[in-house]
Amino acid sequence: MENITANKVLDTSGLNCPLPVLKTKKALEDMQSGEILEVIATDPGSKADIPAFCQRTGNELVKMVEEGDRILFYIKKK
């Protein structure tokens, strides 16, 4: 498993839908194309919501990792 270096980390732990997606959208707005955003989420709904958001917006979901109750998403800005 390769290490992915994130340009920015967004911790949405404890937040429920739709806040993780809304905060992800906001964080990506402040980033340059090609940069990586690491999103930390605890809402189980994020496993479907974040990939759907990426597909809808054209951003690339590079990787999704589950660590206990946390879900880590690595998103490359389009």
N, C-alpha and C. Protein backbone atom coordinates (compact mmCIF):
# COMPACT_ATOMS: atom_id res chain seq x y z
N MET A 1 0.85 -1.18 0.00
CA MET A 1 0.00 0.00 0.00
C MET A 1 0.90 1.24 0.00
N GLU A 2 0.79 2.04 -1.06
CA GLU A 2 1.63 3.23 -1.16
C GLU A 2 1.12 4.32 -0.22
N ASN A 3 2.06 5.16 0.21
CA ASN A 3 1.69 6.28 1.06
C ASN A 3 1.24 7.44 0.18
N ILE A 4 0.17 8.05 0.55
CA ILE A 4 -0.33 9.20 -0.18
C ILE A 4 -0.09 10.42 0.71
N THR A 5 0.57 11.40 0.16
CA THR A 5 0.84 12.62 0.91
C THR A 5 -0.25 13.64 0.60
N ALA A 6 -0.99 14.01 1.62
CA ALA A 6 -2.08 14.97 1.45
C ALA A 6 -1.54 16.39 1.56
N ASN A 7 -2.07 17.27 0.72
CA ASN A 7 -1.73 18.69 0.78
C ASN A 7 -2.52 19.36 1.91
N LYS A 8 -3.67 18.78 2.25
CA LYS A 8 -4.55 19.36 3.26
C LYS A 8 -5.32 18.22 3.92
N VAL A 9 -5.59 18.35 5.23
CA VAL A 9 -6.35 17.34 5.97
C VAL A 9 -7.61 17.99 6.52
N LEU A 10 -8.74 17.32 6.31
CA LEU A 10 -10.03 17.79 6.82
C LEU A 10 -10.59 16.72 7.74
N ASP A 11 -10.77 17.07 9.01
CA ASP A 11 -11.31 16.11 9.99
C ASP A 11 -12.79 16.41 10.21
N THR A 12 -13.65 15.51 9.74
CA THR A 12 -15.10 15.68 9.93
C THR A 12 -15.63 14.68 10.95
N SER A 13 -14.75 14.16 11.79
CA SER A 13 -15.15 13.18 12.82
C SER A 13 -16.29 13.74 13.66
N GLY A 14 -17.31 12.91 13.88
CA GLY A 14 -18.44 13.30 14.71
C GLY A 14 -19.53 14.03 13.96
N LEU A 15 -19.27 14.42 12.72
CA LEU A 15 -20.29 15.12 11.93
C LEU A 15 -21.09 14.11 11.11
N ASN A 16 -22.38 14.38 10.97
CA ASN A 16 -23.25 13.50 10.19
C ASN A 16 -23.66 14.17 8.89
N CYS A 17 -24.17 13.35 7.98
CA CYS A 17 -24.63 13.80 6.67
C CYS A 17 -25.57 14.99 6.84
N PRO A 18 -25.44 16.02 6.04
CA PRO A 18 -24.57 16.17 4.87
C PRO A 18 -23.27 16.92 5.16
N LEU A 19 -22.95 17.17 6.44
CA LEU A 19 -21.80 18.03 6.76
C LEU A 19 -20.45 17.55 6.21
N PRO A 20 -20.12 16.24 6.28
CA PRO A 20 -18.83 15.83 5.71
C PRO A 20 -18.69 16.20 4.22
N VAL A 21 -19.74 16.03 3.45
CA VAL A 21 -19.68 16.36 2.02
C VAL A 21 -19.59 17.87 1.83
N LEU A 22 -20.37 18.63 2.58
CA LEU A 22 -20.34 20.09 2.44
C LEU A 22 -18.97 20.65 2.81
N LYS A 23 -18.37 20.13 3.88
CA LYS A 23 -17.05 20.60 4.30
C LYS A 23 -15.98 20.16 3.30
N THR A 24 -16.15 18.99 2.71
CA THR A 24 -15.21 18.51 1.67
C THR A 24 -15.27 19.45 0.47
N LYS A 25 -16.47 19.78 0.04
CA LYS A 25 -16.66 20.69 -1.10
C LYS A 25 -15.98 22.03 -0.83
N LYS A 26 -16.18 22.57 0.37
CA LYS A 26 -15.59 23.86 0.75
C LYS A 26 -14.06 23.79 0.76
N ALA A 27 -13.52 22.70 1.33
CA ALA A 27 -12.06 22.55 1.42
C ALA A 27 -11.44 22.46 0.02
N LEU A 28 -12.11 21.75 -0.89
CA LEU A 28 -11.58 21.60 -2.24
C LEU A 28 -11.58 22.92 -3.00
N GLU A 29 -12.52 23.80 -2.69
CA GLU A 29 -12.58 25.10 -3.37
C GLU A 29 -11.32 25.92 -3.14
N ASP A 30 -10.66 25.72 -1.99
CA ASP A 30 -9.47 26.49 -1.64
C ASP A 30 -8.17 25.82 -2.12
N MET A 31 -8.28 24.72 -2.87
CA MET A 31 -7.10 23.97 -3.29
C MET A 31 -6.84 24.12 -4.78
N GLN A 32 -5.60 23.81 -5.17
CA GLN A 32 -5.20 23.86 -6.58
C GLN A 32 -5.48 22.51 -7.24
N SER A 33 -5.66 22.53 -8.54
CA SER A 33 -5.86 21.31 -9.32
C SER A 33 -4.67 20.36 -9.11
N GLY A 34 -4.98 19.08 -8.87
CA GLY A 34 -3.93 18.08 -8.68
C GLY A 34 -3.53 17.87 -7.23
N GLU A 35 -3.95 18.77 -6.33
CA GLU A 35 -3.62 18.60 -4.91
C GLU A 35 -4.52 17.52 -4.29
N ILE A 36 -4.03 16.93 -3.21
CA ILE A 36 -4.74 15.84 -2.52
C ILE A 36 -5.32 16.33 -1.21
N LEU A 37 -6.60 16.05 -1.01
CA LEU A 37 -7.28 16.35 0.25
C LEU A 37 -7.54 15.03 0.97
N GLU A 38 -7.11 14.95 2.24
CA GLU A 38 -7.42 13.80 3.07
C GLU A 38 -8.62 14.17 3.93
N VAL A 39 -9.69 13.39 3.84
CA VAL A 39 -10.89 13.62 4.64
C VAL A 39 -11.02 12.48 5.64
N ILE A 40 -11.16 12.84 6.92
CA ILE A 40 -11.37 11.85 7.98
C ILE A 40 -12.84 11.95 8.39
N ALA A 41 -13.55 10.84 8.30
CA ALA A 41 -14.98 10.83 8.61
C ALA A 41 -15.30 9.66 9.54
N THR A 42 -16.37 9.83 10.33
CA THR A 42 -16.85 8.75 11.19
C THR A 42 -18.29 8.37 10.84
N ASP A 43 -18.95 9.18 10.02
CA ASP A 43 -20.34 8.90 9.61
C ASP A 43 -20.33 7.76 8.59
N PRO A 44 -20.98 6.61 8.90
CA PRO A 44 -20.99 5.49 7.96
C PRO A 44 -21.55 5.86 6.59
N GLY A 45 -22.44 6.84 6.55
CA GLY A 45 -23.01 7.28 5.28
C GLY A 45 -21.98 7.89 4.35
N SER A 46 -20.86 8.33 4.91
CA SER A 46 -19.80 8.93 4.09
C SER A 46 -19.23 7.94 3.09
N LYS A 47 -19.28 6.64 3.41
CA LYS A 47 -18.74 5.63 2.50
C LYS A 47 -19.44 5.67 1.15
N ALA A 48 -20.69 6.08 1.13
CA ALA A 48 -21.42 6.23 -0.14
C ALA A 48 -21.41 7.69 -0.61
N ASP A 49 -21.54 8.60 0.33
CA ASP A 49 -21.70 10.03 0.00
C ASP A 49 -20.45 10.64 -0.64
N ILE A 50 -19.28 10.39 -0.08
CA ILE A 50 -18.05 11.01 -0.59
C ILE A 50 -17.71 10.50 -2.00
N PRO A 51 -17.73 9.17 -2.23
CA PRO A 51 -17.48 8.71 -3.61
C PRO A 51 -18.50 9.27 -4.61
N ALA A 52 -19.77 9.37 -4.21
CA ALA A 52 -20.80 9.92 -5.10
C ALA A 52 -20.51 11.39 -5.39
N PHE A 53 -20.08 12.14 -4.36
CA PHE A 53 -19.72 13.54 -4.54
C PHE A 53 -18.56 13.66 -5.53
N CYS A 54 -17.55 12.81 -5.38
CA CYS A 54 -16.39 12.86 -6.29
C CYS A 54 -16.81 12.59 -7.73
N GLN A 55 -17.64 11.59 -7.91
CA GLN A 55 -18.10 11.24 -9.26
C GLN A 55 -18.90 12.39 -9.87
N ARG A 56 -19.73 13.00 -9.06
CA ARG A 56 -20.59 14.09 -9.53
C ARG A 56 -19.79 15.34 -9.90
N THR A 57 -18.70 15.60 -9.16
CA THR A 57 -17.95 16.83 -9.34
C THR A 57 -16.71 16.67 -10.21
N GLY A 58 -16.36 15.43 -10.56
CA GLY A 58 -15.19 15.20 -11.40
C GLY A 58 -13.88 15.13 -10.64
N ASN A 59 -13.94 15.21 -9.31
CA ASN A 59 -12.72 15.03 -8.51
C ASN A 59 -12.45 13.54 -8.40
N GLU A 60 -11.17 13.17 -8.24
CA GLU A 60 -10.81 11.75 -8.24
C GLU A 60 -10.67 11.23 -6.82
N LEU A 61 -11.44 10.18 -6.50
CA LEU A 61 -11.26 9.49 -5.22
C LEU A 61 -10.10 8.53 -5.42
N VAL A 62 -8.94 8.91 -4.90
CA VAL A 62 -7.72 8.13 -5.10
C VAL A 62 -7.76 6.86 -4.26
N LYS A 63 -8.26 7.00 -3.02
CA LYS A 63 -8.23 5.87 -2.10
C LYS A 63 -9.22 6.09 -0.97
N MET A 64 -9.78 4.98 -0.47
CA MET A 64 -10.64 5.01 0.72
C MET A 64 -10.13 3.91 1.65
N VAL A 65 -9.88 4.27 2.91
CA VAL A 65 -9.33 3.32 3.88
C VAL A 65 -10.19 3.35 5.13
N GLU A 66 -10.56 2.18 5.63
CA GLU A 66 -11.29 2.11 6.89
C GLU A 66 -10.34 1.73 8.01
N GLU A 67 -10.30 2.54 9.06
CA GLU A 67 -9.48 2.29 10.24
C GLU A 67 -10.39 2.32 11.46
N GLY A 68 -10.86 1.17 11.88
CA GLY A 68 -11.79 1.12 13.01
C GLY A 68 -13.07 1.87 12.66
N ASP A 69 -13.41 2.89 13.46
CA ASP A 69 -14.63 3.64 13.18
C ASP A 69 -14.37 4.85 12.28
N ARG A 70 -13.14 5.02 11.85
CA ARG A 70 -12.80 6.15 10.96
C ARG A 70 -12.69 5.68 9.51
N ILE A 71 -13.09 6.55 8.61
CA ILE A 71 -12.95 6.29 7.18
C ILE A 71 -12.10 7.43 6.63
N LEU A 72 -11.02 7.07 5.96
CA LEU A 72 -10.12 8.06 5.37
C LEU A 72 -10.33 8.08 3.86
N PHE A 73 -10.52 9.26 3.33
CA PHE A 73 -10.69 9.44 1.89
C PHE A 73 -9.54 10.31 1.39
N TYR A 74 -8.97 9.93 0.26
CA TYR A 74 -7.95 10.75 -0.39
C TYR A 74 -8.51 11.18 -1.73
N ILE A 75 -8.71 12.48 -1.87
CA ILE A 75 -9.38 13.04 -3.04
C ILE A 75 -8.42 13.96 -3.77
N LYS A 76 -8.24 13.71 -5.08
CA LYS A 76 -7.41 14.59 -5.90
C LYS A 76 -8.31 15.59 -6.61
N LYS A 77 -8.02 16.87 -6.39
CA LYS A 77 -8.84 17.91 -7.01
C LYS A 77 -8.65 17.88 -8.52
N LYS A 78 -9.78 18.02 -9.24
CA LYS A 78 -9.72 17.99 -10.70
C LYS A 78 -9.02 19.22 -11.26
